[in-house]
Amino acid sequence: MDKTIDEIQDEIIEEFSAFDDWMDKYTLLIDLGNLLQPLDGKDKTENNLIEGCQSRVWLSAEYTDGKVFFRGESDAVIVKGIVSLLITVLSGHSPQQILDCDLYFIERIGLKEHLSPTRSNGLVAMLRQMRMYALAFQAKG
């Protein structure tokens, strides 16, 4: 059976809690970002570029069998890690689950207070875009 959004968040929290030092957590973030599948050139469009991010972030989504699947990429290593985390948590769930979820892992792993204000804004922008996709798919659904 598929994991719930909360189960995935709890796994991420556990993974990050293995490290006390933030340099180690950044390394983990960068490693997660490096695991992201590169986006196709066709997905690197102005439409998929997230407004409000300091670095360039592309996010695309498709709707299959009632579930939303996200793909994303960034030209900045830390941001790519953040994109990877958001995709891990939200991809493969229904629009309603995405819209209803409380993303507590961001706070719990300490990401919130370790991001610069511009990166924090970027994170909010990415999340908003993912929820917009979910809303759009739900309206079509």
N, C-alpha and C. Protein backbone atom coordinates (compact mmCIF):
# COMPACT_ATOMS: atom_id res chain seq x y z
N MET A 1 0.83 -1.20 0.00
CA MET A 1 0.00 0.00 0.00
C MET A 1 0.87 1.26 0.00
N ASP A 2 0.37 2.29 -0.63
CA ASP A 2 1.11 3.54 -0.68
C ASP A 2 1.17 4.19 0.70
N LYS A 3 2.27 4.86 0.93
CA LYS A 3 2.42 5.59 2.20
C LYS A 3 1.63 6.88 2.17
N THR A 4 1.18 7.30 3.34
CA THR A 4 0.49 8.58 3.43
C THR A 4 1.51 9.70 3.43
N ILE A 5 1.03 10.91 3.20
CA ILE A 5 1.91 12.08 3.23
C ILE A 5 2.58 12.19 4.61
N ASP A 6 1.82 11.94 5.66
CA ASP A 6 2.39 12.03 7.01
C ASP A 6 3.45 10.96 7.27
N GLU A 7 3.23 9.75 6.77
CA GLU A 7 4.23 8.69 6.93
C GLU A 7 5.54 9.06 6.24
N ILE A 8 5.42 9.65 5.07
CA ILE A 8 6.62 10.07 4.34
C ILE A 8 7.33 11.19 5.10
N GLN A 9 6.55 12.14 5.61
CA GLN A 9 7.14 13.24 6.39
C GLN A 9 7.88 12.70 7.62
N ASP A 10 7.27 11.72 8.30
CA ASP A 10 7.89 11.14 9.49
C ASP A 10 9.21 10.46 9.15
N GLU A 11 9.26 9.81 7.99
CA GLU A 11 10.51 9.17 7.55
C GLU A 11 11.60 10.21 7.31
N ILE A 12 11.22 11.33 6.69
CA ILE A 12 12.18 12.40 6.43
C ILE A 12 12.69 12.99 7.74
N ILE A 13 11.77 13.21 8.69
CA ILE A 13 12.16 13.74 9.99
C ILE A 13 13.16 12.80 10.66
N GLU A 14 12.88 11.51 10.57
CA GLU A 14 13.76 10.51 11.16
C GLU A 14 15.14 10.54 10.49
N GLU A 15 15.14 10.63 9.18
CA GLU A 15 16.39 10.66 8.42
C GLU A 15 17.24 11.86 8.83
N PHE A 16 16.61 13.02 8.96
CA PHE A 16 17.34 14.24 9.32
C PHE A 16 17.75 14.25 10.79
N SER A 17 16.97 13.58 11.64
CA SER A 17 17.29 13.60 13.07
C SER A 17 18.55 12.81 13.39
N ALA A 18 19.01 12.01 12.44
CA ALA A 18 20.26 11.26 12.63
C ALA A 18 21.45 12.22 12.71
N PHE A 19 21.28 13.45 12.24
CA PHE A 19 22.37 14.42 12.23
C PHE A 19 22.09 15.57 13.19
N ASP A 20 23.09 15.93 13.98
CA ASP A 20 22.95 17.08 14.89
C ASP A 20 23.45 18.34 14.22
N ASP A 21 24.49 18.16 13.43
CA ASP A 21 25.17 19.28 12.82
C ASP A 21 24.47 19.71 11.53
N TRP A 22 24.25 21.02 11.38
CA TRP A 22 23.55 21.48 10.18
C TRP A 22 24.35 21.30 8.90
N MET A 23 25.68 21.27 9.01
CA MET A 23 26.48 21.01 7.80
C MET A 23 26.15 19.61 7.27
N ASP A 24 25.96 18.66 8.18
CA ASP A 24 25.60 17.30 7.77
C ASP A 24 24.20 17.27 7.14
N LYS A 25 23.30 18.07 7.71
CA LYS A 25 21.94 18.13 7.16
C LYS A 25 21.95 18.76 5.77
N TYR A 26 22.80 19.78 5.58
CA TYR A 26 22.91 20.38 4.25
C TYR A 26 23.46 19.36 3.26
N THR A 27 24.43 18.56 3.71
CA THR A 27 24.99 17.52 2.85
C THR A 27 23.91 16.53 2.43
N LEU A 28 23.07 16.14 3.40
CA LEU A 28 21.95 15.24 3.10
C LEU A 28 21.01 15.89 2.07
N LEU A 29 20.70 17.17 2.28
CA LEU A 29 19.84 17.90 1.34
C LEU A 29 20.43 17.88 -0.06
N ILE A 30 21.72 18.16 -0.16
CA ILE A 30 22.39 18.19 -1.46
C ILE A 30 22.35 16.80 -2.10
N ASP A 31 22.59 15.76 -1.28
CA ASP A 31 22.52 14.39 -1.80
C ASP A 31 21.13 14.08 -2.34
N LEU A 32 20.10 14.49 -1.61
CA LEU A 32 18.72 14.26 -2.05
C LEU A 32 18.46 14.98 -3.37
N GLY A 33 18.98 16.19 -3.48
CA GLY A 33 18.82 16.95 -4.72
C GLY A 33 19.49 16.27 -5.89
N ASN A 34 20.63 15.66 -5.63
CA ASN A 34 21.36 14.97 -6.69
C ASN A 34 20.65 13.71 -7.17
N LEU A 35 19.72 13.21 -6.36
CA LEU A 35 18.95 12.02 -6.75
C LEU A 35 17.79 12.36 -7.68
N LEU A 36 17.46 13.65 -7.76
CA LEU A 36 16.35 14.07 -8.63
C LEU A 36 16.66 13.74 -10.09
N GLN A 37 15.65 13.21 -10.76
CA GLN A 37 15.79 12.98 -12.20
C GLN A 37 15.86 14.35 -12.89
N PRO A 38 16.83 14.54 -13.79
CA PRO A 38 16.86 15.83 -14.50
C PRO A 38 15.58 16.03 -15.31
N LEU A 39 15.14 17.26 -15.37
CA LEU A 39 13.93 17.57 -16.14
C LEU A 39 14.25 17.56 -17.62
N ASP A 40 13.28 17.15 -18.41
CA ASP A 40 13.41 17.26 -19.87
C ASP A 40 13.50 18.72 -20.24
N GLY A 41 14.21 19.02 -21.31
CA GLY A 41 14.28 20.38 -21.80
C GLY A 41 12.91 20.98 -22.04
N LYS A 42 11.96 20.13 -22.50
CA LYS A 42 10.61 20.62 -22.79
C LYS A 42 9.88 21.10 -21.53
N ASP A 43 10.34 20.61 -20.36
CA ASP A 43 9.71 21.04 -19.11
C ASP A 43 10.36 22.30 -18.53
N LYS A 44 11.51 22.65 -19.06
CA LYS A 44 12.20 23.86 -18.55
C LYS A 44 11.71 25.09 -19.31
N THR A 45 10.43 25.39 -19.09
CA THR A 45 9.81 26.52 -19.78
C THR A 45 9.53 27.64 -18.80
N GLU A 46 9.23 28.81 -19.34
CA GLU A 46 8.85 29.96 -18.51
C GLU A 46 7.65 29.61 -17.63
N ASN A 47 6.70 28.85 -18.21
CA ASN A 47 5.49 28.45 -17.47
C ASN A 47 5.80 27.65 -16.22
N ASN A 48 6.86 26.84 -16.28
CA ASN A 48 7.20 25.97 -15.15
C ASN A 48 8.20 26.61 -14.19
N LEU A 49 8.65 27.81 -14.52
CA LEU A 49 9.58 28.51 -13.66
C LEU A 49 8.81 29.10 -12.48
N ILE A 50 9.33 28.89 -11.27
CA ILE A 50 8.63 29.38 -10.07
C ILE A 50 8.97 30.84 -9.82
N GLU A 51 7.94 31.65 -9.71
CA GLU A 51 8.14 33.06 -9.35
C GLU A 51 8.49 33.17 -7.88
N GLY A 52 9.40 34.05 -7.53
CA GLY A 52 9.69 34.27 -6.11
C GLY A 52 10.86 33.46 -5.59
N CYS A 53 11.51 32.71 -6.47
CA CYS A 53 12.70 31.97 -6.06
C CYS A 53 13.93 32.74 -6.49
N GLN A 54 14.93 32.76 -5.62
CA GLN A 54 16.17 33.44 -5.92
C GLN A 54 16.91 32.70 -7.04
N SER A 55 16.96 31.38 -6.92
CA SER A 55 17.58 30.58 -7.98
C SER A 55 16.48 30.14 -8.93
N ARG A 56 16.89 29.55 -10.03
CA ARG A 56 15.89 29.10 -11.00
C ARG A 56 15.36 27.73 -10.58
N VAL A 57 14.03 27.65 -10.47
CA VAL A 57 13.39 26.40 -10.09
C VAL A 57 12.27 26.13 -11.09
N TRP A 58 12.29 24.93 -11.66
CA TRP A 58 11.22 24.52 -12.56
C TRP A 58 10.43 23.42 -11.88
N LEU A 59 9.12 23.49 -12.06
CA LEU A 59 8.26 22.47 -11.47
C LEU A 59 7.19 22.12 -12.48
N SER A 60 7.04 20.85 -12.76
CA SER A 60 5.96 20.45 -13.65
C SER A 60 5.17 19.34 -12.96
N ALA A 61 3.94 19.15 -13.41
CA ALA A 61 3.08 18.15 -12.79
C ALA A 61 2.24 17.47 -13.85
N GLU A 62 1.96 16.21 -13.61
CA GLU A 62 0.98 15.52 -14.46
C GLU A 62 0.00 14.78 -13.58
N TYR A 63 -1.16 14.56 -14.15
CA TYR A 63 -2.26 13.96 -13.41
C TYR A 63 -2.56 12.61 -14.04
N THR A 64 -2.33 11.53 -13.28
CA THR A 64 -2.56 10.19 -13.79
C THR A 64 -3.30 9.37 -12.76
N ASP A 65 -4.35 8.70 -13.17
CA ASP A 65 -5.13 7.83 -12.28
C ASP A 65 -5.52 8.50 -10.97
N GLY A 66 -5.93 9.76 -11.05
CA GLY A 66 -6.39 10.46 -9.86
C GLY A 66 -5.29 10.94 -8.93
N LYS A 67 -4.03 10.83 -9.38
CA LYS A 67 -2.92 11.26 -8.55
C LYS A 67 -2.05 12.27 -9.30
N VAL A 68 -1.43 13.16 -8.52
CA VAL A 68 -0.56 14.18 -9.10
C VAL A 68 0.89 13.72 -8.95
N PHE A 69 1.63 13.80 -10.05
CA PHE A 69 3.05 13.45 -10.03
C PHE A 69 3.87 14.67 -10.42
N PHE A 70 4.75 15.06 -9.51
CA PHE A 70 5.57 16.25 -9.75
C PHE A 70 6.96 15.88 -10.22
N ARG A 71 7.52 16.77 -11.02
CA ARG A 71 8.93 16.70 -11.39
C ARG A 71 9.48 18.11 -11.22
N GLY A 72 10.74 18.20 -10.86
CA GLY A 72 11.30 19.52 -10.67
C GLY A 72 12.80 19.52 -10.75
N GLU A 73 13.34 20.71 -10.85
CA GLU A 73 14.79 20.87 -10.90
C GLU A 73 15.14 22.30 -10.51
N SER A 74 16.36 22.46 -10.05
CA SER A 74 16.86 23.80 -9.74
C SER A 74 18.32 23.87 -10.12
N ASP A 75 18.80 25.09 -10.36
CA ASP A 75 20.22 25.24 -10.68
C ASP A 75 21.06 25.47 -9.42
N ALA A 76 20.42 25.46 -8.24
CA ALA A 76 21.14 25.63 -6.98
C ALA A 76 21.03 24.33 -6.17
N VAL A 77 22.16 23.86 -5.63
CA VAL A 77 22.17 22.53 -5.01
C VAL A 77 21.26 22.40 -3.79
N ILE A 78 21.26 23.38 -2.90
CA ILE A 78 20.41 23.31 -1.70
C ILE A 78 18.94 23.35 -2.11
N VAL A 79 18.62 24.25 -3.02
CA VAL A 79 17.24 24.40 -3.48
C VAL A 79 16.77 23.12 -4.17
N LYS A 80 17.66 22.50 -4.92
CA LYS A 80 17.34 21.24 -5.58
C LYS A 80 16.97 20.19 -4.53
N GLY A 81 17.67 20.21 -3.40
CA GLY A 81 17.36 19.30 -2.30
C GLY A 81 15.97 19.56 -1.73
N ILE A 82 15.64 20.85 -1.61
CA ILE A 82 14.31 21.23 -1.09
C ILE A 82 13.22 20.76 -2.07
N VAL A 83 13.47 20.99 -3.37
CA VAL A 83 12.53 20.53 -4.41
C VAL A 83 12.34 19.02 -4.28
N SER A 84 13.45 18.31 -4.11
CA SER A 84 13.42 16.86 -3.99
C SER A 84 12.57 16.42 -2.79
N LEU A 85 12.72 17.10 -1.65
CA LEU A 85 11.93 16.78 -0.46
C LEU A 85 10.44 16.99 -0.72
N LEU A 86 10.10 18.14 -1.31
CA LEU A 86 8.68 18.45 -1.57
C LEU A 86 8.07 17.42 -2.53
N ILE A 87 8.84 17.05 -3.55
CA ILE A 87 8.34 16.06 -4.52
C ILE A 87 8.16 14.72 -3.84
N THR A 88 9.14 14.33 -3.00
CA THR A 88 9.05 13.05 -2.28
C THR A 88 7.78 12.99 -1.44
N VAL A 89 7.47 14.09 -0.77
CA VAL A 89 6.31 14.12 0.13
C VAL A 89 4.98 14.19 -0.63
N LEU A 90 4.91 15.03 -1.66
CA LEU A 90 3.62 15.31 -2.28
C LEU A 90 3.29 14.51 -3.54
N SER A 91 4.29 14.03 -4.24
CA SER A 91 4.05 13.33 -5.50
C SER A 91 3.35 11.99 -5.27
N GLY A 92 2.42 11.67 -6.15
CA GLY A 92 1.74 10.38 -6.08
C GLY A 92 0.52 10.37 -5.17
N HIS A 93 0.05 11.56 -4.81
CA HIS A 93 -1.14 11.66 -3.97
C HIS A 93 -2.26 12.37 -4.73
N SER A 94 -3.48 12.24 -4.22
CA SER A 94 -4.61 12.88 -4.88
C SER A 94 -4.55 14.40 -4.64
N PRO A 95 -5.17 15.17 -5.54
CA PRO A 95 -5.20 16.62 -5.33
C PRO A 95 -5.73 16.98 -3.94
N GLN A 96 -6.78 16.28 -3.49
CA GLN A 96 -7.37 16.59 -2.18
C GLN A 96 -6.38 16.35 -1.05
N GLN A 97 -5.63 15.25 -1.12
CA GLN A 97 -4.63 14.97 -0.08
C GLN A 97 -3.57 16.06 -0.06
N ILE A 98 -3.17 16.51 -1.23
CA ILE A 98 -2.15 17.55 -1.32
C ILE A 98 -2.68 18.86 -0.73
N LEU A 99 -3.92 19.16 -1.04
CA LEU A 99 -4.52 20.41 -0.55
C LEU A 99 -4.77 20.37 0.96
N ASP A 100 -5.06 19.20 1.49
CA ASP A 100 -5.42 19.07 2.90
C ASP A 100 -4.22 18.90 3.84
N CYS A 101 -3.08 18.50 3.29
CA CYS A 101 -1.98 18.11 4.17
C CYS A 101 -1.35 19.29 4.90
N ASP A 102 -0.81 18.98 6.06
CA ASP A 102 -0.06 19.95 6.84
C ASP A 102 1.40 19.53 6.71
N LEU A 103 2.21 20.35 6.07
CA LEU A 103 3.61 19.98 5.88
C LEU A 103 4.44 20.38 7.10
N TYR A 104 4.37 19.55 8.12
CA TYR A 104 5.07 19.85 9.36
C TYR A 104 6.55 19.49 9.32
N PHE A 105 6.97 18.67 8.34
CA PHE A 105 8.36 18.22 8.33
C PHE A 105 9.35 19.38 8.15
N ILE A 106 8.92 20.43 7.43
CA ILE A 106 9.79 21.57 7.16
C ILE A 106 10.25 22.21 8.47
N GLU A 107 9.30 22.36 9.37
CA GLU A 107 9.60 22.91 10.68
C GLU A 107 10.39 21.91 11.54
N ARG A 108 9.95 20.66 11.54
CA ARG A 108 10.53 19.64 12.43
C ARG A 108 11.98 19.33 12.12
N ILE A 109 12.38 19.36 10.85
CA ILE A 109 13.78 19.06 10.56
C ILE A 109 14.64 20.30 10.74
N GLY A 110 14.00 21.44 11.07
CA GLY A 110 14.75 22.65 11.33
C GLY A 110 15.08 23.43 10.07
N LEU A 111 14.44 23.04 8.98
CA LEU A 111 14.73 23.69 7.70
C LEU A 111 14.34 25.16 7.73
N LYS A 112 13.17 25.43 8.34
CA LYS A 112 12.65 26.79 8.34
C LYS A 112 13.65 27.81 8.87
N GLU A 113 14.22 27.50 10.05
CA GLU A 113 15.13 28.52 10.62
C GLU A 113 16.53 28.48 10.03
N HIS A 114 16.81 27.48 9.17
CA HIS A 114 18.14 27.43 8.56
C HIS A 114 18.15 27.88 7.11
N LEU A 115 17.03 28.44 6.67
CA LEU A 115 16.98 28.96 5.29
C LEU A 115 17.06 30.48 5.33
N SER A 116 17.74 31.03 4.35
CA SER A 116 17.76 32.49 4.23
C SER A 116 16.34 32.94 3.89
N PRO A 117 16.00 34.21 4.17
CA PRO A 117 14.65 34.69 3.84
C PRO A 117 14.28 34.47 2.37
N THR A 118 15.24 34.66 1.47
CA THR A 118 14.90 34.48 0.04
C THR A 118 14.62 33.01 -0.26
N ARG A 119 15.39 32.10 0.35
CA ARG A 119 15.14 30.66 0.14
C ARG A 119 13.81 30.27 0.75
N SER A 120 13.52 30.85 1.91
CA SER A 120 12.25 30.59 2.58
C SER A 120 11.08 31.01 1.69
N ASN A 121 11.19 32.19 1.09
CA ASN A 121 10.17 32.67 0.16
C ASN A 121 10.05 31.72 -1.02
N GLY A 122 11.18 31.22 -1.48
CA GLY A 122 11.19 30.28 -2.60
C GLY A 122 10.46 29.00 -2.26
N LEU A 123 10.70 28.52 -1.03
CA LEU A 123 10.03 27.31 -0.56
C LEU A 123 8.51 27.51 -0.55
N VAL A 124 8.08 28.65 -0.03
CA VAL A 124 6.66 28.99 0.00
C VAL A 124 6.10 29.06 -1.43
N ALA A 125 6.87 29.65 -2.33
CA ALA A 125 6.44 29.77 -3.73
C ALA A 125 6.31 28.39 -4.38
N MET A 126 7.26 27.49 -4.10
CA MET A 126 7.20 26.13 -4.66
C MET A 126 5.96 25.40 -4.16
N LEU A 127 5.73 25.52 -2.87
CA LEU A 127 4.59 24.87 -2.25
C LEU A 127 3.28 25.41 -2.82
N ARG A 128 3.22 26.73 -2.98
CA ARG A 128 2.02 27.37 -3.53
C ARG A 128 1.77 26.83 -4.95
N GLN A 129 2.84 26.71 -5.74
CA GLN A 129 2.70 26.21 -7.11
C GLN A 129 2.19 24.76 -7.11
N MET A 130 2.71 23.95 -6.21
CA MET A 130 2.28 22.55 -6.14
C MET A 130 0.80 22.46 -5.77
N ARG A 131 0.38 23.33 -4.86
CA ARG A 131 -1.04 23.35 -4.48
C ARG A 131 -1.91 23.89 -5.62
N MET A 132 -1.37 24.82 -6.39
CA MET A 132 -2.11 25.34 -7.56
C MET A 132 -2.34 24.23 -8.59
N TYR A 133 -1.29 23.43 -8.82
CA TYR A 133 -1.45 22.29 -9.73
C TYR A 133 -2.54 21.36 -9.19
N ALA A 134 -2.48 21.07 -7.90
CA ALA A 134 -3.47 20.16 -7.30
C ALA A 134 -4.89 20.71 -7.47
N LEU A 135 -5.03 22.01 -7.23
CA LEU A 135 -6.35 22.65 -7.41
C LEU A 135 -6.84 22.53 -8.84
N ALA A 136 -5.95 22.81 -9.78
CA ALA A 136 -6.30 22.75 -11.20
C ALA A 136 -6.73 21.34 -11.59
N PHE A 137 -5.96 20.34 -11.14
CA PHE A 137 -6.29 18.94 -11.47
C PHE A 137 -7.61 18.53 -10.81
N GLN A 138 -7.83 19.04 -9.60
CA GLN A 138 -9.06 18.70 -8.88
C GLN A 138 -10.27 19.28 -9.64
N ALA A 139 -10.11 20.49 -10.13
CA ALA A 139 -11.20 21.13 -10.88
C ALA A 139 -11.50 20.35 -12.16
N LYS A 140 -10.45 19.83 -12.82
CA LYS A 140 -10.63 19.03 -14.03
C LYS A 140 -11.23 17.69 -13.71
N GLY A 141 -10.74 17.11 -12.57
CA GLY A 141 -11.06 15.74 -12.15
C GLY A 141 -12.53 15.41 -12.26
